[in-house]
Amino acid sequence: MDEYTKTVELIKNTLEKIRPFINRDGGDVIFDSFEDGIVYVNMLGACQDCMMLDSTLTDGIEVILLEEVPGVLGVKLVKDKPTND
């Protein structure tokens, strides 16, 4: 298994640990991709329109991923992913 695949697996496993806390508030977090150190996720359910979304991403999900997964530099929503237009 190459390093990228190991990192993605660790990201997914870490998100699975976080998911129950987000589910409790009626939301969900879904892994999309990992590019250039950035983890892209979709936030679903109650999280989509929540005023605390930015805080959940940066103070929650991002902090945990930075601690647990070497190579992660940040977390962003898929909608904020740069396009190759």
Protein backbone atom coordinates (compact mmCIF):
# COMPACT_ATOMS: atom_id res chain seq x y z
CA MET A 1 0.00 0.00 0.00
CA ASP A 2 1.49 3.35 -1.03
CA GLU A 3 1.75 6.40 1.25
CA TYR A 4 -1.16 8.26 -0.34
CA THR A 5 -3.48 5.26 0.09
CA LYS A 6 -2.40 4.86 3.74
CA THR A 7 -3.06 8.53 4.39
CA VAL A 8 -6.53 8.40 2.80
CA GLU A 9 -7.37 5.29 4.83
CA LEU A 10 -6.27 7.04 8.05
CA ILE A 11 -8.34 10.13 7.13
CA LYS A 12 -11.43 7.98 6.54
CA ASN A 13 -10.91 6.08 9.80
CA THR A 14 -10.50 9.32 11.73
CA LEU A 15 -13.66 10.79 10.16
CA GLU A 16 -15.52 7.63 11.23
CA LYS A 17 -14.51 8.39 14.83
CA ILE A 18 -15.78 11.98 14.50
CA ARG A 19 -19.01 11.09 12.66
CA PRO A 20 -21.11 10.06 15.73
CA PHE A 21 -20.61 13.49 17.31
CA ILE A 22 -21.77 15.23 14.14
CA ASN A 23 -24.67 12.78 13.71
CA ARG A 24 -25.91 13.69 17.20
CA ASP A 25 -26.69 17.18 15.94
CA GLY A 26 -28.44 15.87 12.82
CA GLY A 27 -25.49 16.31 10.45
CA ASP A 28 -22.91 14.18 8.72
CA VAL A 29 -19.42 14.48 7.25
CA ILE A 30 -18.43 12.61 4.09
CA PHE A 31 -14.87 12.31 2.75
CA ASP A 32 -14.46 13.45 -0.85
CA SER A 33 -10.74 13.67 -1.60
CA PHE A 34 -7.25 14.48 -0.37
CA GLU A 35 -5.20 16.82 -2.54
CA ASP A 36 -1.99 18.71 -1.74
CA GLY A 37 -2.45 18.23 2.00
CA ILE A 38 -6.08 19.40 2.00
CA VAL A 39 -8.93 17.08 2.97
CA TYR A 40 -12.13 17.90 1.09
CA VAL A 41 -15.40 16.92 2.74
CA ASN A 42 -19.13 17.29 2.21
CA MET A 43 -21.23 18.31 5.18
CA LEU A 44 -24.77 16.97 5.07
CA GLY A 45 -28.02 17.25 6.98
CA ALA A 46 -28.24 19.92 9.65
CA CYS A 47 -24.60 20.87 9.03
CA GLN A 48 -25.32 22.31 5.60
CA ASP A 49 -27.11 25.42 6.87
CA CYS A 50 -25.61 25.58 10.36
CA MET A 51 -24.13 28.87 11.59
CA MET A 52 -21.40 26.83 13.30
CA LEU A 53 -20.23 25.09 10.09
CA ASP A 54 -16.95 27.02 9.84
CA SER A 55 -16.21 26.34 13.49
CA THR A 56 -17.05 22.65 13.12
CA LEU A 57 -14.65 22.40 10.18
CA THR A 58 -11.71 24.33 11.64
CA ASP A 59 -12.03 23.89 15.40
CA GLY A 60 -13.31 20.33 15.26
CA ILE A 61 -12.64 18.22 12.19
CA GLU A 62 -9.48 20.03 11.07
CA VAL A 63 -7.87 20.03 14.55
CA ILE A 64 -8.46 16.29 14.96
CA LEU A 65 -7.19 15.41 11.47
CA LEU A 66 -4.08 17.60 11.93
CA GLU A 67 -3.33 15.74 15.18
CA GLU A 68 -4.01 12.22 13.93
CA VAL A 69 -3.00 12.17 10.25
CA PRO A 70 0.51 13.13 9.15
CA GLY A 71 0.48 15.16 5.94
CA VAL A 72 -2.89 16.84 6.49
CA LEU A 73 -2.56 20.63 6.28
CA GLY A 74 -6.22 21.63 6.38
CA VAL A 75 -9.87 20.76 5.76
CA LYS A 76 -12.18 22.45 3.26
CA LEU A 77 -15.62 21.90 1.84
CA VAL A 78 -15.85 20.31 -1.61
CA LYS A 79 -17.67 23.42 -2.85
CA ASP A 80 -14.49 25.39 -2.08
CA LYS A 81 -12.27 23.05 -4.10
CA PRO A 82 -10.37 24.83 -6.88
CA THR A 83 -11.55 23.95 -10.37
CA ASN A 84 -9.38 23.51 -13.43
CA ASP A 85 -11.36 25.87 -15.65
